[in-house]
PDB file of all heavy atoms in Angstrom:
ATOM      1  N   HIS A   1     -25.519   1.214  20.308  1.00  0.00           N
ATOM      2  CA  HIS A   1     -26.747   2.016  20.361  1.00  0.00           C
ATOM      3  C   HIS A   1     -26.422   3.488  20.624  1.00  0.00           C
ATOM      4  O   HIS A   1     -25.365   3.824  21.146  1.00  0.00           O
ATOM      5  CB  HIS A   1     -27.696   1.472  21.438  1.00  0.00           C
ATOM      6  CG  HIS A   1     -27.154   1.541  22.823  1.00  0.00           C
ATOM      7  ND1 HIS A   1     -26.177   0.694  23.297  1.00  0.00           N
ATOM      8  CD2 HIS A   1     -27.453   2.376  23.850  1.00  0.00           C
ATOM      9  CE1 HIS A   1     -25.911   0.985  24.555  1.00  0.00           C
ATOM     10  NE2 HIS A   1     -26.649   2.007  24.924  1.00  0.00           N
ATOM     11  N   HIS A   2     -27.324   4.334  20.263  1.00  0.00           N
ATOM     12  CA  HIS A   2     -27.179   5.801  20.356  1.00  0.00           C
ATOM     13  C   HIS A   2     -26.105   6.333  19.412  1.00  0.00           C
ATOM     14  O   HIS A   2     -25.652   7.477  19.590  1.00  0.00           O
ATOM     15  CB  HIS A   2     -26.861   6.257  21.789  1.00  0.00           C
ATOM     16  CG  HIS A   2     -27.921   5.943  22.792  1.00  0.00           C
ATOM     17  ND1 HIS A   2     -29.218   5.650  22.452  1.00  0.00           N
ATOM     18  CD2 HIS A   2     -27.874   5.890  24.161  1.00  0.00           C
ATOM     19  CE1 HIS A   2     -29.929   5.418  23.555  1.00  0.00           C
ATOM     20  NE2 HIS A   2     -29.143   5.547  24.596  1.00  0.00           N
ATOM     21  N   THR A   3     -25.664   5.523  18.456  1.00  0.00           N
ATOM     22  CA  THR A   3     -24.701   6.013  17.469  1.00  0.00           C
ATOM     23  C   THR A   3     -25.380   6.069  16.099  1.00  0.00           C
ATOM     24  O   THR A   3     -26.530   5.645  15.937  1.00  0.00           O
ATOM     25  CB  THR A   3     -23.461   5.111  17.373  1.00  0.00           C
ATOM     26  OG1 THR A   3     -23.812   3.885  16.701  1.00  0.00           O
ATOM     27  CG2 THR A   3     -22.889   4.809  18.749  1.00  0.00           C
ATOM     28  N   LEU A   4     -24.655   6.570  15.110  1.00  0.00           N
ATOM     29  CA  LEU A   4     -25.182   6.647  13.754  1.00  0.00           C
ATOM     30  C   LEU A   4     -25.022   5.331  12.992  1.00  0.00           C
ATOM     31  O   LEU A   4     -25.376   5.236  11.814  1.00  0.00           O
ATOM     32  CB  LEU A   4     -24.482   7.774  12.993  1.00  0.00           C
ATOM     33  CG  LEU A   4     -24.673   9.182  13.594  1.00  0.00           C
ATOM     34  CD1 LEU A   4     -23.812  10.192  12.855  1.00  0.00           C
ATOM     35  CD2 LEU A   4     -26.133   9.596  13.565  1.00  0.00           C
ATOM     36  N   GLY A   5     -24.427   4.343  13.651  1.00  0.00           N
ATOM     37  CA  GLY A   5     -24.266   3.031  13.035  1.00  0.00           C
ATOM     38  C   GLY A   5     -23.115   2.948  12.047  1.00  0.00           C
ATOM     39  O   GLY A   5     -23.032   2.001  11.261  1.00  0.00           O
ATOM     40  N   ASN A   6     -22.204   3.909  12.100  1.00  0.00           N
ATOM     41  CA  ASN A   6     -21.082   3.918  11.148  1.00  0.00           C
ATOM     42  C   ASN A   6     -19.721   3.946  11.831  1.00  0.00           C
ATOM     43  O   ASN A   6     -18.701   4.171  11.182  1.00  0.00           O
ATOM     44  CB  ASN A   6     -21.210   5.109  10.196  1.00  0.00           C
ATOM     45  CG  ASN A   6     -21.248   6.448  10.945  1.00  0.00           C
ATOM     46  OD1 ASN A   6     -21.079   6.492  12.165  1.00  0.00           O
ATOM     47  ND2 ASN A   6     -21.487   7.519  10.221  1.00  0.00           N
ATOM     48  N   GLY A   7     -19.715   3.724  13.147  1.00  0.00           N
ATOM     49  CA  GLY A   7     -18.447   3.723  13.869  1.00  0.00           C
ATOM     50  C   GLY A   7     -17.884   5.104  14.144  1.00  0.00           C
ATOM     51  O   GLY A   7     -16.774   5.219  14.677  1.00  0.00           O
ATOM     52  N   ASN A   8     -18.616   6.146  13.792  1.00  0.00           N
ATOM     53  CA  ASN A   8     -18.158   7.529  14.017  1.00  0.00           C
ATOM     54  C   ASN A   8     -18.618   7.984  15.398  1.00  0.00           C
ATOM     55  O   ASN A   8     -19.817   8.145  15.638  1.00  0.00           O
ATOM     56  CB  ASN A   8     -18.721   8.442  12.925  1.00  0.00           C
ATOM     57  CG  ASN A   8     -18.234   9.876  13.068  1.00  0.00           C
ATOM     58  OD1 ASN A   8     -17.601  10.242  14.049  1.00  0.00           O
ATOM     59  ND2 ASN A   8     -18.537  10.704  12.078  1.00  0.00           N
ATOM     60  N   TYR A   9     -17.658   8.219  16.285  1.00  0.00           N
ATOM     61  CA  TYR A   9     -17.990   8.593  17.664  1.00  0.00           C
ATOM     62  C   TYR A   9     -17.722  10.061  17.987  1.00  0.00           C
ATOM     63  O   TYR A   9     -17.921  10.477  19.123  1.00  0.00           O
ATOM     64  CB  TYR A   9     -17.213   7.710  18.653  1.00  0.00           C
ATOM     65  CG  TYR A   9     -17.813   6.331  18.814  1.00  0.00           C
ATOM     66  CD1 TYR A   9     -17.439   5.295  17.977  1.00  0.00           C
ATOM     67  CD2 TYR A   9     -18.771   6.079  19.781  1.00  0.00           C
ATOM     68  CE1 TYR A   9     -17.996   4.024  18.109  1.00  0.00           C
ATOM     69  CE2 TYR A   9     -19.338   4.822  19.928  1.00  0.00           C
ATOM     70  CZ  TYR A   9     -18.943   3.789  19.086  1.00  0.00           C
ATOM     71  OH  TYR A   9     -19.508   2.553  19.227  1.00  0.00           O
ATOM     72  N   ASP A  10     -17.266  10.834  17.024  1.00  0.00           N
ATOM     73  CA  ASP A  10     -16.978  12.230  17.344  1.00  0.00           C
ATOM     74  C   ASP A  10     -17.916  13.214  16.641  1.00  0.00           C
ATOM     75  O   ASP A  10     -17.742  14.423  16.743  1.00  0.00           O
ATOM     76  CB  ASP A  10     -15.524  12.588  17.040  1.00  0.00           C
ATOM     77  CG  ASP A  10     -15.177  12.498  15.553  1.00  0.00           C
ATOM     78  OD1 ASP A  10     -16.048  12.105  14.762  1.00  0.00           O
ATOM     79  OD2 ASP A  10     -14.026  12.818  15.213  1.00  0.00           O
ATOM     80  N   ALA A  11     -18.937  12.697  15.932  1.00  0.00           N
ATOM     81  CA  ALA A  11     -19.845  13.583  15.187  1.00  0.00           C
ATOM     82  C   ALA A  11     -20.584  14.532  16.135  1.00  0.00           C
ATOM     83  O   ALA A  11     -20.661  15.744  15.881  1.00  0.00           O
ATOM     84  CB  ALA A  11     -20.848  12.751  14.392  1.00  0.00           C
ATOM     85  N   PHE A  12     -21.114  14.002  17.237  1.00  0.00           N
ATOM     86  CA  PHE A  12     -21.891  14.843  18.151  1.00  0.00           C
ATOM     87  C   PHE A  12     -20.978  15.797  18.924  1.00  0.00           C
ATOM     88  O   PHE A  12     -21.349  16.936  19.209  1.00  0.00           O
ATOM     89  CB  PHE A  12     -22.698  13.967  19.110  1.00  0.00           C
ATOM     90  CG  PHE A  12     -23.436  12.851  18.427  1.00  0.00           C
ATOM     91  CD1 PHE A  12     -23.379  11.556  18.915  1.00  0.00           C
ATOM     92  CD2 PHE A  12     -24.179  13.088  17.272  1.00  0.00           C
ATOM     93  CE1 PHE A  12     -24.047  10.520  18.278  1.00  0.00           C
ATOM     94  CE2 PHE A  12     -24.849  12.066  16.626  1.00  0.00           C
ATOM     95  CZ  PHE A  12     -24.791  10.775  17.124  1.00  0.00           C
ATOM     96  N   TYR A  13     -19.805  15.305  19.245  1.00  0.00           N
ATOM     97  CA  TYR A  13     -18.802  16.139  19.923  1.00  0.00           C
ATOM     98  C   TYR A  13     -18.478  17.352  19.065  1.00  0.00           C
ATOM     99  O   TYR A  13     -18.378  18.487  19.556  1.00  0.00           O
ATOM    100  CB  TYR A  13     -17.563  15.286  20.193  1.00  0.00           C
ATOM    101  CG  TYR A  13     -16.387  15.992  20.832  1.00  0.00           C
ATOM    102  CD1 TYR A  13     -16.526  16.687  22.022  1.00  0.00           C
ATOM    103  CD2 TYR A  13     -15.114  15.921  20.254  1.00  0.00           C
ATOM    104  CE1 TYR A  13     -15.432  17.308  22.620  1.00  0.00           C
ATOM    105  CE2 TYR A  13     -14.026  16.537  20.843  1.00  0.00           C
ATOM    106  CZ  TYR A  13     -14.190  17.231  22.019  1.00  0.00           C
ATOM    107  OH  TYR A  13     -13.100  17.839  22.605  1.00  0.00           O
ATOM    108  N   LYS A  14     -18.336  17.145  17.759  1.00  0.00           N
ATOM    109  CA  LYS A  14     -18.032  18.252  16.847  1.00  0.00           C
ATOM    110  C   LYS A  14     -19.216  19.209  16.714  1.00  0.00           C
ATOM    111  O   LYS A  14     -19.043  20.420  16.590  1.00  0.00           O
ATOM    112  CB  LYS A  14     -17.618  17.712  15.476  1.00  0.00           C
ATOM    113  CG  LYS A  14     -16.249  17.042  15.465  1.00  0.00           C
ATOM    114  CD  LYS A  14     -15.906  16.513  14.084  1.00  0.00           C
ATOM    115  CE  LYS A  14     -14.515  15.892  14.061  1.00  0.00           C
ATOM    116  NZ  LYS A  14     -14.190  15.334  12.711  1.00  0.00           N
ATOM    117  N   MET A  15     -20.425  18.653  16.731  1.00  0.00           N
ATOM    118  CA  MET A  15     -21.614  19.511  16.647  1.00  0.00           C
ATOM    119  C   MET A  15     -21.652  20.510  17.805  1.00  0.00           C
ATOM    120  O   MET A  15     -21.976  21.683  17.611  1.00  0.00           O
ATOM    121  CB  MET A  15     -22.881  18.661  16.680  1.00  0.00           C
ATOM    122  CG  MET A  15     -23.132  17.831  15.449  1.00  0.00           C
ATOM    123  SD  MET A  15     -24.673  16.879  15.640  1.00  0.00           S
ATOM    124  CE  MET A  15     -24.585  15.800  14.218  1.00  0.00           C
ATOM    125  N   SER A  16     -21.335  20.052  18.980  1.00  0.00           N
ATOM    126  CA  SER A  16     -21.430  20.902  20.170  1.00  0.00           C
ATOM    127  C   SER A  16     -20.382  22.003  20.197  1.00  0.00           C
ATOM    128  O   SER A  16     -20.555  23.002  20.896  1.00  0.00           O
ATOM    129  CB  SER A  16     -21.300  20.050  21.436  1.00  0.00           C
ATOM    130  OG  SER A  16     -22.433  19.236  21.613  1.00  0.00           O
ATOM    131  N   GLN A  17     -19.310  21.827  19.472  1.00  0.00           N
ATOM    132  CA  GLN A  17     -18.196  22.772  19.579  1.00  0.00           C
ATOM    133  C   GLN A  17     -18.550  24.182  19.126  1.00  0.00           C
ATOM    134  O   GLN A  17     -17.900  25.142  19.521  1.00  0.00           O
ATOM    135  CB  GLN A  17     -16.991  22.232  18.805  1.00  0.00           C
ATOM    136  CG  GLN A  17     -16.380  21.009  19.459  1.00  0.00           C
ATOM    137  CD  GLN A  17     -15.281  20.359  18.642  1.00  0.00           C
ATOM    138  OE1 GLN A  17     -14.733  20.980  17.732  1.00  0.00           O
ATOM    139  NE2 GLN A  17     -14.964  19.107  18.950  1.00  0.00           N
ATOM    140  N   HIS A  18     -19.601  24.332  18.337  1.00  0.00           N
ATOM    141  CA  HIS A  18     -20.005  25.655  17.863  1.00  0.00           C
ATOM    142  C   HIS A  18     -20.794  26.433  18.911  1.00  0.00           C
ATOM    143  O   HIS A  18     -20.947  27.656  18.778  1.00  0.00           O
ATOM    144  CB  HIS A  18     -20.847  25.512  16.592  1.00  0.00           C
ATOM    145  CG  HIS A  18     -20.115  24.868  15.457  1.00  0.00           C
ATOM    146  ND1 HIS A  18     -19.215  25.541  14.662  1.00  0.00           N
ATOM    147  CD2 HIS A  18     -20.141  23.590  14.991  1.00  0.00           C
ATOM    148  CE1 HIS A  18     -18.726  24.725  13.756  1.00  0.00           C
ATOM    149  NE2 HIS A  18     -19.265  23.534  13.929  1.00  0.00           N
ATOM    150  N   ILE A  19     -21.302  25.756  19.932  1.00  0.00           N
ATOM    151  CA  ILE A  19     -22.151  26.435  20.914  1.00  0.00           C
ATOM    152  C   ILE A  19     -21.633  26.276  22.340  1.00  0.00           C
ATOM    153  O   ILE A  19     -22.382  26.386  23.304  1.00  0.00           O
ATOM    154  CB  ILE A  19     -23.605  25.932  20.819  1.00  0.00           C
ATOM    155  CG1 ILE A  19     -23.677  24.413  20.922  1.00  0.00           C
ATOM    156  CG2 ILE A  19     -24.250  26.417  19.520  1.00  0.00           C
ATOM    157  CD1 ILE A  19     -25.093  23.884  21.012  1.00  0.00           C
ATOM    158  N   VAL A  20     -20.345  25.984  22.460  1.00  0.00           N
ATOM    159  CA  VAL A  20     -19.661  26.020  23.750  1.00  0.00           C
ATOM    160  C   VAL A  20     -18.376  26.815  23.568  1.00  0.00           C
ATOM    161  O   VAL A  20     -17.885  26.969  22.458  1.00  0.00           O
ATOM    162  CB  VAL A  20     -19.349  24.602  24.291  1.00  0.00           C
ATOM    163  CG1 VAL A  20     -20.638  23.833  24.566  1.00  0.00           C
ATOM    164  CG2 VAL A  20     -18.452  23.826  23.337  1.00  0.00           C
ATOM    165  N   CYS A  21     -17.859  27.346  24.663  1.00  0.00           N
ATOM    166  CA  CYS A  21     -16.627  28.131  24.549  1.00  0.00           C
ATOM    167  C   CYS A  21     -15.380  27.288  24.784  1.00  0.00           C
ATOM    168  O   CYS A  21     -14.257  27.744  24.529  1.00  0.00           O
ATOM    169  CB  CYS A  21     -16.661  29.315  25.510  1.00  0.00           C
ATOM    170  SG  CYS A  21     -16.646  28.895  27.264  1.00  0.00           S
ATOM    171  N   ALA A  22     -15.552  26.044  25.257  1.00  0.00           N
ATOM    172  CA  ALA A  22     -14.423  25.128  25.437  1.00  0.00           C
ATOM    173  C   ALA A  22     -14.975  23.711  25.525  1.00  0.00           C
ATOM    174  O   ALA A  22     -16.123  23.498  25.915  1.00  0.00           O
ATOM    175  CB  ALA A  22     -13.624  25.473  26.690  1.00  0.00           C
ATOM    176  N   HIS A  23     -14.140  22.735  25.160  1.00  0.00           N
ATOM    177  CA  HIS A  23     -14.597  21.350  25.128  1.00  0.00           C
ATOM    178  C   HIS A  23     -13.407  20.421  25.313  1.00  0.00           C
ATOM    179  O   HIS A  23     -12.258  20.782  24.998  1.00  0.00           O
ATOM    180  CB  HIS A  23     -15.295  21.054  23.801  1.00  0.00           C
ATOM    181  CG  HIS A  23     -14.509  21.503  22.603  1.00  0.00           C
ATOM    182  ND1 HIS A  23     -13.502  20.752  22.032  1.00  0.00           N
ATOM    183  CD2 HIS A  23     -14.556  22.656  21.893  1.00  0.00           C
ATOM    184  CE1 HIS A  23     -12.976  21.409  21.009  1.00  0.00           C
ATOM    185  NE2 HIS A  23     -13.594  22.578  20.904  1.00  0.00           N
ATOM    186  N   ALA A  24     -13.663  19.236  25.814  1.00  0.00           N
ATOM    187  CA  ALA A  24     -12.589  18.256  25.991  1.00  0.00           C
ATOM    188  C   ALA A  24     -13.187  16.874  26.205  1.00  0.00           C
ATOM    189  O   ALA A  24     -14.293  16.737  26.749  1.00  0.00           O
ATOM    190  CB  ALA A  24     -11.706  18.624  27.178  1.00  0.00           C
ATOM    191  N   ILE A  25     -12.460  15.849  25.750  1.00  0.00           N
ATOM    192  CA  ILE A  25     -12.743  14.470  26.135  1.00  0.00           C
ATOM    193  C   ILE A  25     -11.867  14.184  27.350  1.00  0.00           C
ATOM    194  O   ILE A  25     -10.639  14.283  27.285  1.00  0.00           O
ATOM    195  CB  ILE A  25     -12.418  13.477  25.006  1.00  0.00           C
ATOM    196  CG1 ILE A  25     -13.164  13.861  23.724  1.00  0.00           C
ATOM    197  CG2 ILE A  25     -12.766  12.056  25.431  1.00  0.00           C
ATOM    198  CD1 ILE A  25     -14.662  13.811  23.834  1.00  0.00           C
ATOM    199  N   ILE A  26     -12.483  13.844  28.448  1.00  0.00           N
ATOM    200  CA  ILE A  26     -11.767  13.721  29.718  1.00  0.00           C
ATOM    201  C   ILE A  26     -11.227  12.299  29.899  1.00  0.00           C
ATOM    202  O   ILE A  26     -11.943  11.310  29.715  1.00  0.00           O
ATOM    203  CB  ILE A  26     -12.688  14.084  30.892  1.00  0.00           C
ATOM    204  CG1 ILE A  26     -13.306  15.476  30.689  1.00  0.00           C
ATOM    205  CG2 ILE A  26     -11.910  14.052  32.207  1.00  0.00           C
ATOM    206  CD1 ILE A  26     -12.310  16.605  30.597  1.00  0.00           C
ATOM    207  N   THR A  27      -9.966  12.220  30.293  1.00  0.00           N
ATOM    208  CA  THR A  27      -9.306  10.951  30.607  1.00  0.00           C
ATOM    209  C   THR A  27      -8.733  11.044  32.019  1.00  0.00           C
ATOM    210  O   THR A  27      -8.627  12.152  32.574  1.00  0.00           O
ATOM    211  CB  THR A  27      -8.171  10.665  29.615  1.00  0.00           C
ATOM    212  OG1 THR A  27      -7.112  11.615  29.846  1.00  0.00           O
ATOM    213  CG2 THR A  27      -8.654  10.775  28.170  1.00  0.00           C
ATOM    214  N   PRO A  28      -8.331   9.908  32.606  1.00  0.00           N
ATOM    215  CA  PRO A  28      -7.691   9.980  33.925  1.00  0.00           C
ATOM    216  C   PRO A  28      -6.428  10.835  33.908  1.00  0.00           C
ATOM    217  O   PRO A  28      -6.095  11.492  34.898  1.00  0.00           O
ATOM    218  CB  PRO A  28      -7.374   8.512  34.241  1.00  0.00           C
ATOM    219  CG  PRO A  28      -8.391   7.729  33.472  1.00  0.00           C
ATOM    220  CD  PRO A  28      -8.584   8.499  32.200  1.00  0.00           C
ATOM    221  N   GLU A  29      -5.730  10.838  32.776  1.00  0.00           N
ATOM    222  CA  GLU A  29      -4.472  11.584  32.686  1.00  0.00           C
ATOM    223  C   GLU A  29      -4.690  13.092  32.574  1.00  0.00           C
ATOM    224  O   GLU A  29      -3.914  13.884  33.131  1.00  0.00           O
ATOM    225  CB  GLU A  29      -3.665  11.121  31.471  1.00  0.00           C
ATOM    226  CG  GLU A  29      -3.121   9.695  31.575  1.00  0.00           C
ATOM    227  CD  GLU A  29      -4.156   8.629  31.243  1.00  0.00           C
ATOM    228  OE1 GLU A  29      -5.269   8.992  30.752  1.00  0.00           O
ATOM    229  OE2 GLU A  29      -3.886   7.430  31.473  1.00  0.00           O
ATOM    230  N   ASN A  30      -5.714  13.515  31.849  1.00  0.00           N
ATOM    231  CA  ASN A  30      -5.876  14.966  31.632  1.00  0.00           C
ATOM    232  C   ASN A  30      -6.962  15.589  32.500  1.00  0.00           C
ATOM    233  O   ASN A  30      -7.241  16.785  32.396  1.00  0.00           O
ATOM    234  CB  ASN A  30      -6.177  15.257  30.156  1.00  0.00           C
ATOM    235  CG  ASN A  30      -7.577  14.804  29.720  1.00  0.00           C
ATOM    236  OD1 ASN A  30      -8.443  14.505  30.521  1.00  0.00           O
ATOM    237  ND2 ASN A  30      -7.792  14.761  28.408  1.00  0.00           N
ATOM    238  N   CYS A  31      -7.590  14.796  33.346  1.00  0.00           N
ATOM    239  CA  CYS A  31      -8.772  15.245  34.081  1.00  0.00           C
ATOM    240  C   CYS A  31      -8.534  16.535  34.862  1.00  0.00           C
ATOM    241  O   CYS A  31      -9.322  17.486  34.766  1.00  0.00           O
ATOM    242  CB  CYS A  31      -9.245  14.142  35.027  1.00  0.00           C
ATOM    243  SG  CYS A  31     -10.678  14.608  36.017  1.00  0.00           S
TER     244      CYS A  31
END
């Protein structure tokens, strides 16, 4: 749910990149 139904999980992440000055997917290793 809350997805486009095509298994694509980075579409919204990419959309936001134009209106933020930095972005990251946070993991325990890179937090």
